[in-house]
Each structure stands twice: as structure tokens, then as C-alpha cells.
PDB file of N, CA and C in Angstrom:
ATOM      1  N   MET A   1      89.702 108.543 103.550  1.00  0.00           N
ATOM      2  CA  MET A   1      90.258 107.731 102.477  1.00  0.00           C
ATOM      3  C   MET A   1      89.179 107.919 101.518  1.00  0.00           C
ATOM      4  N   SER A   2      89.200 107.569 100.164  1.00  0.00           N
ATOM      5  CA  SER A   2      88.084 107.765  99.228  1.00  0.00           C
ATOM      6  C   SER A   2      87.021 107.004  99.468  1.00  0.00           C
ATOM      7  N   ASP A   3      85.862 107.199  99.056  1.00  0.00           N
ATOM      8  CA  ASP A   3      84.619 106.620  99.351  1.00  0.00           C
ATOM      9  C   ASP A   3      84.324 105.742  98.428  1.00  0.00           C
ATOM     10  N   ILE A   4      85.201 105.594  97.227  1.00  0.00           N
ATOM     11  CA  ILE A   4      84.962 104.596  96.196  1.00  0.00           C
ATOM     12  C   ILE A   4      85.526 103.154  96.690  1.00  0.00           C
ATOM     13  N   LYS A   5      84.414 102.178  96.601  1.00  0.00           N
ATOM     14  CA  LYS A   5      84.965 100.646  96.769  1.00  0.00           C
ATOM     15  C   LYS A   5      85.920 100.253  95.823  1.00  0.00           C
ATOM     16  N   GLU A   6      87.032  99.905  95.800  1.00  0.00           N
ATOM     17  CA  GLU A   6      87.904  99.337  94.815  1.00  0.00           C
ATOM     18  C   GLU A   6      88.037  97.810  95.035  1.00  0.00           C
ATOM     19  N   VAL A   7      87.852  96.864  94.161  1.00  0.00           N
ATOM     20  CA  VAL A   7      87.913  95.637  94.183  1.00  0.00           C
ATOM     21  C   VAL A   7      89.524  95.487  94.111  1.00  0.00           C
ATOM     22  N   ILE A   8      90.203  94.488  95.149  1.00  0.00           N
ATOM     23  CA  ILE A   8      91.537  94.421  95.052  1.00  0.00           C
ATOM     24  C   ILE A   8      91.720  92.840  94.681  1.00  0.00           C
ATOM     25  N   ARG A   9      92.364  92.684  93.403  1.00  0.00           N
ATOM     26  CA  ARG A   9      92.523  91.515  93.179  1.00  0.00           C
ATOM     27  C   ARG A   9      94.184  91.132  92.768  1.00  0.00           C
ATOM     28  N   THR A  10      95.027  92.194  92.901  1.00  0.00           N
ATOM     29  CA  THR A  10      96.316  91.885  92.390  1.00  0.00           C
ATOM     30  C   THR A  10      97.305  92.454  93.604  1.00  0.00           C
ATOM     31  N   SER A  11      98.407  92.062  93.460  1.00  0.00           N
ATOM     32  CA  SER A  11      99.240  92.913  94.421  1.00  0.00           C
ATOM     33  C   SER A  11      99.634  94.305  93.908  1.00  0.00           C
ATOM     34  N   GLY A  12      99.430  94.625  92.753  1.00  0.00           N
ATOM     35  CA  GLY A  12      99.500  95.942  92.385  1.00  0.00           C
ATOM     36  C   GLY A  12      98.498  96.823  92.946  1.00  0.00           C
ATOM     37  N   ASP A  13      97.121  96.126  93.002  1.00  0.00           N
ATOM     38  CA  ASP A  13      95.950  96.699  93.643  1.00  0.00           C
ATOM     39  C   ASP A  13      96.163  97.230  95.256  1.00  0.00           C
ATOM     40  N   VAL A  14      96.962  96.018  95.733  1.00  0.00           N
ATOM     41  CA  VAL A  14      97.469  96.365  97.221  1.00  0.00           C
ATOM     42  C   VAL A  14      98.356  97.616  97.192  1.00  0.00           C
ATOM     43  N   ARG A  15      99.063  97.535  96.450  1.00  0.00           N
ATOM     44  CA  ARG A  15     100.321  98.826  96.535  1.00  0.00           C
ATOM     45  C   ARG A  15      99.574 100.042  96.172  1.00  0.00           C
ATOM     46  N   ARG A  16      98.675  99.996  95.263  1.00  0.00           N
ATOM     47  CA  ARG A  16      97.757 101.235  94.956  1.00  0.00           C
ATOM     48  C   ARG A  16      97.137 101.823  95.999  1.00  0.00           C
ATOM     49  N   THR A  17      96.291 100.943  96.683  1.00  0.00           N
ATOM     50  CA  THR A  17      95.556 101.168  97.926  1.00  0.00           C
ATOM     51  C   THR A  17      96.577 101.645  98.863  1.00  0.00           C
ATOM     52  N   LEU A  18      97.483 101.178  99.346  1.00  0.00           N
ATOM     53  CA  LEU A  18      98.380 101.362 100.327  1.00  0.00           C
ATOM     54  C   LEU A  18      98.791 102.928 100.053  1.00  0.00           C
ATOM     55  N   ALA A  19      99.420 103.013  98.866  1.00  0.00           N
ATOM     56  CA  ALA A  19      99.870 104.400  98.492  1.00  0.00           C
ATOM     57  C   ALA A  19      98.652 105.402  98.623  1.00  0.00           C
ATOM     58  N   GLN A  20      97.456 105.291  98.255  1.00  0.00           N
ATOM     59  CA  GLN A  20      96.380 106.110  98.431  1.00  0.00           C
ATOM     60  C   GLN A  20      96.079 106.422  99.959  1.00  0.00           C
ATOM     61  N   ALA A  21      96.292 105.304 100.794  1.00  0.00           N
ATOM     62  CA  ALA A  21      96.175 105.616 102.261  1.00  0.00           C
ATOM     63  C   ALA A  21      96.956 106.438 102.773  1.00  0.00           C
ATOM     64  N   MET A  22      98.322 106.269 102.255  1.00  0.00           N
ATOM     65  CA  MET A  22      99.567 107.150 102.774  1.00  0.00           C
ATOM     66  C   MET A  22      99.031 108.655 102.268  1.00  0.00           C
ATOM     67  N   THR A  23      98.711 108.880 101.150  1.00  0.00           N
ATOM     68  CA  THR A  23      98.399 110.020 100.530  1.00  0.00           C
ATOM     69  C   THR A  23      97.152 110.705 101.371  1.00  0.00           C
ATOM     70  N   ASP A  24      96.179 109.837 101.771  1.00  0.00           N
ATOM     71  CA  ASP A  24      95.068 110.177 102.725  1.00  0.00           C
ATOM     72  C   ASP A  24      95.522 110.627 104.071  1.00  0.00           C
ATOM     73  N   ILE A  25      96.333 109.943 104.528  1.00  0.00           N
ATOM     74  CA  ILE A  25      96.995 110.279 105.890  1.00  0.00           C
ATOM     75  C   ILE A  25      97.802 111.638 106.006  1.00  0.00           C
ATOM     76  N   LYS A  26      98.440 111.892 104.809  1.00  0.00           N
ATOM     77  CA  LYS A  26      99.292 113.119 104.757  1.00  0.00           C
ATOM     78  C   LYS A  26      98.368 114.319 104.585  1.00  0.00           C
ATOM     79  N   SER A  27      97.233 114.158 103.728  1.00  0.00           N
ATOM     80  CA  SER A  27      96.442 115.289 103.746  1.00  0.00           C
ATOM     81  C   SER A  27      95.220 115.386 104.573  1.00  0.00           C
ATOM     82  N   GLY A  28      95.265 114.435 105.799  1.00  0.00           N
ATOM     83  CA  GLY A  28      94.250 114.519 106.888  1.00  0.00           C
ATOM     84  C   GLY A  28      92.765 113.889 106.583  1.00  0.00           C
ATOM     85  N   ASP A  29      92.918 113.222 105.359  1.00  0.00           N
ATOM     86  CA  ASP A  29      91.545 112.620 105.030  1.00  0.00           C
ATOM     87  C   ASP A  29      91.199 111.180 105.740  1.00  0.00           C
ATOM     88  N   LEU A  30      92.451 110.724 106.539  1.00  0.00           N
ATOM     89  CA  LEU A  30      92.371 109.541 107.101  1.00  0.00           C
ATOM     90  C   LEU A  30      93.163 109.641 108.466  1.00  0.00           C
ATOM     91  N   ASP A  31      92.471 109.131 109.515  1.00  0.00           N
ATOM     92  CA  ASP A  31      93.369 109.456 110.687  1.00  0.00           C
ATOM     93  C   ASP A  31      94.516 108.452 111.063  1.00  0.00           C
ATOM     94  N   ILE A  32      95.341 108.699 111.705  1.00  0.00           N
ATOM     95  CA  ILE A  32      96.573 108.028 111.795  1.00  0.00           C
ATOM     96  C   ILE A  32      96.391 106.604 112.458  1.00  0.00           C
ATOM     97  N   SER A  33      95.304 106.489 113.305  1.00  0.00           N
ATOM     98  CA  SER A  33      94.946 105.137 113.925  1.00  0.00           C
ATOM     99  C   SER A  33      94.485 104.147 112.958  1.00  0.00           C
ATOM    100  N   ARG A  34      93.585 104.586 111.920  1.00  0.00           N
ATOM    101  CA  ARG A  34      93.076 103.887 110.847  1.00  0.00           C
ATOM    102  C   ARG A  34      94.435 103.261 109.840  1.00  0.00           C
ATOM    103  N   GLY A  35      95.212 104.220 109.748  1.00  0.00           N
ATOM    104  CA  GLY A  35      96.278 104.117 108.829  1.00  0.00           C
ATOM    105  C   GLY A  35      97.218 103.166 109.434  1.00  0.00           C
ATOM    106  N   GLN A  36      97.314 103.000 110.685  1.00  0.00           N
ATOM    107  CA  GLN A  36      98.181 102.033 111.501  1.00  0.00           C
ATOM    108  C   GLN A  36      97.480 100.606 111.386  1.00  0.00           C
ATOM    109  N   VAL A  37      96.246 100.424 111.215  1.00  0.00           N
ATOM    110  CA  VAL A  37      95.477  99.289 111.141  1.00  0.00           C
ATOM    111  C   VAL A  37      95.776  98.930 109.752  1.00  0.00           C
ATOM    112  N   ILE A  38      95.540  99.689 108.852  1.00  0.00           N
ATOM    113  CA  ILE A  38      95.901  99.550 107.321  1.00  0.00           C
ATOM    114  C   ILE A  38      97.291  98.885 107.191  1.00  0.00           C
ATOM    115  N   ALA A  39      98.327  99.388 108.021  1.00  0.00           N
ATOM    116  CA  ALA A  39      99.844  99.077 107.744  1.00  0.00           C
ATOM    117  C   ALA A  39      99.837  97.794 108.390  1.00  0.00           C
ATOM    118  N   GLN A  40      99.265  97.454 109.439  1.00  0.00           N
ATOM    119  CA  GLN A  40      99.171  96.149 109.777  1.00  0.00           C
ATOM    120  C   GLN A  40      98.640  94.924 109.087  1.00  0.00           C
ATOM    121  N   LEU A  41      97.476  95.404 108.545  1.00  0.00           N
ATOM    122  CA  LEU A  41      96.929  94.502 107.448  1.00  0.00           C
ATOM    123  C   LEU A  41      98.122  94.227 106.131  1.00  0.00           C
ATOM    124  N   ALA A  42      98.570  95.305 105.740  1.00  0.00           N
ATOM    125  CA  ALA A  42      99.716  95.105 104.798  1.00  0.00           C
ATOM    126  C   ALA A  42     100.657  94.294 104.970  1.00  0.00           C
ATOM    127  N   LYS A  43     101.057  94.499 106.099  1.00  0.00           N
ATOM    128  CA  LYS A  43     102.136  93.505 106.729  1.00  0.00           C
ATOM    129  C   LYS A  43     101.854  92.022 106.866  1.00  0.00           C
ATOM    130  N   GLU A  44     100.479  91.772 107.207  1.00  0.00           N
ATOM    131  CA  GLU A  44     100.000  90.400 106.925  1.00  0.00           C
ATOM    132  C   GLU A  44      99.909  89.937 105.561  1.00  0.00           C
ATOM    133  N   ILE A  45      99.462  90.670 104.756  1.00  0.00           N
ATOM    134  CA  ILE A  45      99.313  90.386 103.303  1.00  0.00           C
ATOM    135  C   ILE A  45     100.848  90.052 102.678  1.00  0.00           C
ATOM    136  N   THR A  46     101.639  90.782 102.881  1.00  0.00           N
ATOM    137  CA  THR A  46     103.014  90.707 102.430  1.00  0.00           C
ATOM    138  C   THR A  46     103.431  89.376 102.875  1.00  0.00           C
ATOM    139  N   SER A  47     103.433  89.034 104.314  1.00  0.00           N
ATOM    140  CA  SER A  47     103.681  87.799 104.789  1.00  0.00           C
ATOM    141  C   SER A  47     103.121  86.710 103.996  1.00  0.00           C
ATOM    142  N   SER A  48     101.814  86.653 103.918  1.00  0.00           N
ATOM    143  CA  SER A  48     101.202  85.816 103.192  1.00  0.00           C
ATOM    144  C   SER A  48     101.607  85.595 101.750  1.00  0.00           C
ATOM    145  N   LEU A  49     101.940  86.642 100.917  1.00  0.00           N
ATOM    146  CA  LEU A  49     102.488  86.556  99.590  1.00  0.00           C
ATOM    147  C   LEU A  49     103.735  85.800  99.685  1.00  0.00           C
ATOM    148  N   GLN A  50     104.740  86.228 100.743  1.00  0.00           N
ATOM    149  CA  GLN A  50     106.073  85.665 100.712  1.00  0.00           C
ATOM    150  C   GLN A  50     105.918  84.162 100.957  1.00  0.00           C
ATOM    151  N   VAL A  51     104.810  83.652 101.707  1.00  0.00           N
ATOM    152  CA  VAL A  51     104.649  82.337 101.869  1.00  0.00           C
ATOM    153  C   VAL A  51     104.563  81.659 100.666  1.00  0.00           C
ATOM    154  N   GLU A  52     103.618  82.190  99.852  1.00  0.00           N
ATOM    155  CA  GLU A  52     103.365  81.790  98.503  1.00  0.00           C
ATOM    156  C   GLU A  52     104.484  81.477  97.498  1.00  0.00           C
ATOM    157  N   VAL A  53     105.364  82.679  97.533  1.00  0.00           N
ATOM    158  CA  VAL A  53     106.524  82.642  96.652  1.00  0.00           C
ATOM    159  C   VAL A  53     107.445  81.591  97.273  1.00  0.00           C
ATOM    160  N   ASN A  54     107.584  81.505  98.545  1.00  0.00           N
ATOM    161  CA  ASN A  54     108.604  80.290  99.037  1.00  0.00           C
ATOM    162  C   ASN A  54     107.885  78.853  98.666  1.00  0.00           C
ATOM    163  N   ILE A  55     106.664  78.640  98.955  1.00  0.00           N
ATOM    164  CA  ILE A  55     106.129  77.406  98.451  1.00  0.00           C
ATOM    165  C   ILE A  55     106.504  77.279  96.707  1.00  0.00           C
ATOM    166  N   ALA A  56     106.283  78.124  96.042  1.00  0.00           N
ATOM    167  CA  ALA A  56     106.428  77.940  94.509  1.00  0.00           C
ATOM    168  C   ALA A  56     107.655  77.860  94.372  1.00  0.00           C
ATOM    169  N   LYS A  57     108.760  78.420  95.028  1.00  0.00           N
ATOM    170  CA  LYS A  57     110.196  78.035  94.900  1.00  0.00           C
ATOM    171  C   LYS A  57     110.555  76.551  95.206  1.00  0.00           C
ATOM    172  N   VAL A  58     109.918  75.998  96.563  1.00  0.00           N
ATOM    173  CA  VAL A  58     110.372  74.718  96.767  1.00  0.00           C
ATOM    174  C   VAL A  58     109.679  73.697  95.938  1.00  0.00           C
ATOM    175  N   ARG A  59     108.409  73.970  95.480  1.00  0.00           N
ATOM    176  CA  ARG A  59     107.808  73.189  94.317  1.00  0.00           C
ATOM    177  C   ARG A  59     108.453  73.098  93.153  1.00  0.00           C
ATOM    178  N   MET A  60     109.181  74.125  92.704  1.00  0.00           N
ATOM    179  CA  MET A  60     109.940  74.171  91.411  1.00  0.00           C
ATOM    180  C   MET A  60     111.213  73.313  91.729  1.00  0.00           C
ATOM    181  N   ASN A  61     111.748  73.577  92.773  1.00  0.00           N
ATOM    182  CA  ASN A  61     113.069  72.834  93.130  1.00  0.00           C
ATOM    183  C   ASN A  61     112.786  71.247  93.314  1.00  0.00           C
ATOM    184  N   MET A  62     111.647  70.962  93.855  1.00  0.00           N
ATOM    185  CA  MET A  62     111.359  69.569  93.980  1.00  0.00           C
ATOM    186  C   MET A  62     110.974  68.895  92.571  1.00  0.00           C
ATOM    187  N   LEU A  63     110.277  69.882  91.893  1.00  0.00           N
ATOM    188  CA  LEU A  63     110.100  69.056  90.421  1.00  0.00           C
ATOM    189  C   LEU A  63     111.389  68.871  89.576  1.00  0.00           C
ATOM    190  N   ASP A  64     112.173  69.816  89.742  1.00  0.00           N
ATOM    191  CA  ASP A  64     113.601  69.863  88.957  1.00  0.00           C
ATOM    192  C   ASP A  64     114.437  68.427  89.645  1.00  0.00           C
ATOM    193  N   ASN A  65     114.420  68.346  91.116  1.00  0.00           N
ATOM    194  CA  ASN A  65     115.329  67.521  91.715  1.00  0.00           C
ATOM    195  C   ASN A  65     114.368  66.139  91.533  1.00  0.00           C
ATOM    196  N   GLY A  66     113.230  65.982  91.317  1.00  0.00           N
ATOM    197  CA  GLY A  66     112.368  64.823  91.328  1.00  0.00           C
ATOM    198  C   GLY A  66     112.720  64.015  90.135  1.00  0.00           C
ATOM    199  N   LYS A  67     112.919  64.851  89.089  1.00  0.00           N
ATOM    200  CA  LYS A  67     113.313  63.895  87.775  1.00  0.00           C
ATOM    201  C   LYS A  67     114.234  62.908  87.846  1.00  0.00           C
ATOM    202  N   SER A  68     115.132  62.931  88.710  1.00  0.00           N
ATOM    203  CA  SER A  68     116.347  61.862  88.675  1.00  0.00           C
ATOM    204  C   SER A  68     115.746  60.801  89.652  1.00  0.00           C
ATOM    205  N   MET A  69     114.707  60.702  90.374  1.00  0.00           N
ATOM    206  CA  MET A  69     114.243  60.070  91.425  1.00  0.00           C
ATOM    207  C   MET A  69     113.968  58.685  90.535  1.00  0.00           C
ATOM    208  N   GLY A  70     113.472  58.582  89.595  1.00  0.00           N
ATOM    209  CA  GLY A  70     113.207  57.244  88.699  1.00  0.00           C
ATOM    210  C   GLY A  70     114.439  56.630  88.440  1.00  0.00           C
ATOM    211  N   GLU A  71     115.333  57.240  88.515  1.00  0.00           N
ATOM    212  CA  GLU A  71     116.753  56.576  88.028  1.00  0.00           C
ATOM    213  C   GLU A  71     117.625  56.015  89.214  1.00  0.00           C
ATOM    214  N   ILE A  72     117.152  55.976  90.382  1.00  0.00           N
ATOM    215  CA  ILE A  72     117.706  55.375  91.256  1.00  0.00           C
ATOM    216  C   ILE A  72     117.397  53.766  91.369  1.00  0.00           C
ATOM    217  N   THR A  73     118.428  53.144  90.976  1.00  0.00           N
ATOM    218  CA  THR A  73     118.261  51.545  90.728  1.00  0.00           C
ATOM    219  C   THR A  73     119.148  50.813  91.674  1.00  0.00           C
ATOM    220  N   GLN A  74     120.147  51.552  92.276  1.00  0.00           N
ATOM    221  CA  GLN A  74     121.235  51.063  92.854  1.00  0.00           C
ATOM    222  C   GLN A  74     121.419  50.972  94.284  1.00  0.00           C
ATOM    223  N   LEU A  75     120.187  51.075  94.933  1.00  0.00           N
ATOM    224  CA  LEU A  75     119.873  51.253  96.272  1.00  0.00           C
ATOM    225  C   LEU A  75     120.764  50.057  97.199  1.00  0.00           C
ATOM    226  N   GLY A  76     121.456  50.428  98.029  1.00  0.00           N
ATOM    227  CA  GLY A  76     122.068  49.534  98.734  1.00  0.00           C
ATOM    228  C   GLY A  76     123.490  49.156  98.063  1.00  0.00           C
ATOM    229  N   ARG A  77     124.015  49.751  96.947  1.00  0.00           N
ATOM    230  CA  ARG A  77     125.039  49.478  96.297  1.00  0.00           C
ATOM    231  C   ARG A  77     125.864  50.562  96.012  1.00  0.00           C
ATOM    232  N   MET A  78     125.600  51.745  96.598  1.00  0.00           N
ATOM    233  CA  MET A  78     126.290  53.144  96.475  1.00  0.00           C
ATOM    234  C   MET A  78     127.652  53.021  96.760  1.00  0.00           C
ATOM    235  N   ILE A  79     128.719  53.274  95.843  1.00  0.00           N
ATOM    236  CA  ILE A  79     130.330  53.318  95.742  1.00  0.00           C
ATOM    237  C   ILE A  79     130.489  54.326  96.734  1.00  0.00           C
ATOM    238  N   ILE A  80     131.280  53.935  97.841  1.00  0.00           N
ATOM    239  CA  ILE A  80     131.833  54.832  98.892  1.00  0.00           C
ATOM    240  C   ILE A  80     133.251  55.071  98.755  1.00  0.00           C
ATOM    241  N   GLU A  81     133.943  54.684  97.923  1.00  0.00           N
ATOM    242  CA  GLU A  81     135.476  54.727  97.672  1.00  0.00           C
ATOM    243  C   GLU A  81     135.545  55.373  96.332  1.00  0.00           C
ATOM    244  N   ASP A  82     136.769  56.141  96.377  1.00  0.00           N
ATOM    245  CA  ASP A  82     137.037  56.696  95.111  1.00  0.00           C
ATOM    246  C   ASP A  82     137.701  56.022  94.156  1.00  0.00           C
ATOM    247  N   ASP A  83     137.972  56.403  92.972  1.00  0.00           N
ATOM    248  CA  ASP A  83     138.856  55.525  91.873  1.00  0.00           C
ATOM    249  C   ASP A  83     140.068  55.236  92.419  1.00  0.00           C
ATOM    250  N   GLY A  84     140.739  54.239  92.301  1.00  0.00           N
ATOM    251  CA  GLY A  84     142.234  54.012  92.622  1.00  0.00           C
ATOM    252  C   GLY A  84     142.390  53.668  94.092  1.00  0.00           C
ATOM    253  N   SER A  85     141.412  53.609  94.954  1.00  0.00           N
ATOM    254  CA  SER A  85     141.581  53.185  96.266  1.00  0.00           C
ATOM    255  C   SER A  85     141.503  51.652  96.346  1.00  0.00           C
ATOM    256  N   VAL A  86     142.161  51.129  97.301  1.00  0.00           N
ATOM    257  CA  VAL A  86     142.180  49.675  97.447  1.00  0.00           C
ATOM    258  C   VAL A  86     141.012  49.335  98.638  1.00  0.00           C
ATOM    259  N   PRO A  87     140.030  48.579  98.534  1.00  0.00           N
ATOM    260  CA  PRO A  87     139.187  48.398  99.638  1.00  0.00           C
ATOM    261  C   PRO A  87     139.794  47.412 100.462  1.00  0.00           C
ATOM    262  N   THR A  88     139.593  47.648 101.846  1.00  0.00           N
ATOM    263  CA  THR A  88     140.393  46.626 102.656  1.00  0.00           C
ATOM    264  C   THR A  88     139.445  46.494 103.947  1.00  0.00           C
ATOM    265  N   LEU A  89     139.339  45.316 104.502  1.00  0.00           N
ATOM    266  CA  LEU A  89     138.338  45.308 105.568  1.00  0.00           C
ATOM    267  C   LEU A  89     139.220  44.871 106.899  1.00  0.00           C
ATOM    268  N   ARG A  90     139.008  45.428 107.732  1.00  0.00           N
ATOM    269  CA  ARG A  90     139.687  45.439 109.231  1.00  0.00           C
ATOM    270  C   ARG A  90     138.885  45.092 110.271  1.00  0.00           C
ATOM    271  N   GLY A  91     139.541  44.373 111.223  1.00  0.00           N
ATOM    272  CA  GLY A  91     138.562  43.979 112.274  1.00  0.00           C
ATOM    273  C   GLY A  91     138.537  42.659 112.820  1.00  0.00           C
TER     274      GLY A  91
END
């Protein structure tokens, strides 16, 4: 692999570094065992990024759904019959 120490700050930087590693393996500049370690690390980074995306999705969903939480004023009085039904008590 090239001797230049690149600072990796973005997911694009990660992809570029992985692509360079693949090129280096193909050319023989990087041995396969080191390439396998890089691939394992890339898998962990991908999993970490996916967790962040999932958290962001949940937060957005909670924010959207949470807007109506302040409107809940009828606790204990939820209607469980449809229009036109006749309420009856048996027992």
C-alpha cells in the first residue's frame, strides 16, 4: 500500500482507501493477509455506519410521531365502538 498517510474523515475517504487497497493487492504491493484485515475492518466500519443511519431514522420517526403526543387529552376515554353501534352491557 502507498506510504502516504491519508487522513480518513468521510465515508468517501473510506471507499477510496479500500479501492486503493484492492488495487495494491492486485498489483502485489499489498499481501493478501493484510488485505483480509483491511476487509474485516471495513466490515466493522460499515456496520457502525449502518447503526448510525438506523438511529437517525428512528429519531426522525420519533420526532414526527412525537408531535401529536401533546394532543393526548382523552386518556381513559378512548372510543372503542364504531359509529352506529349500540353499546350494550352483558353479564
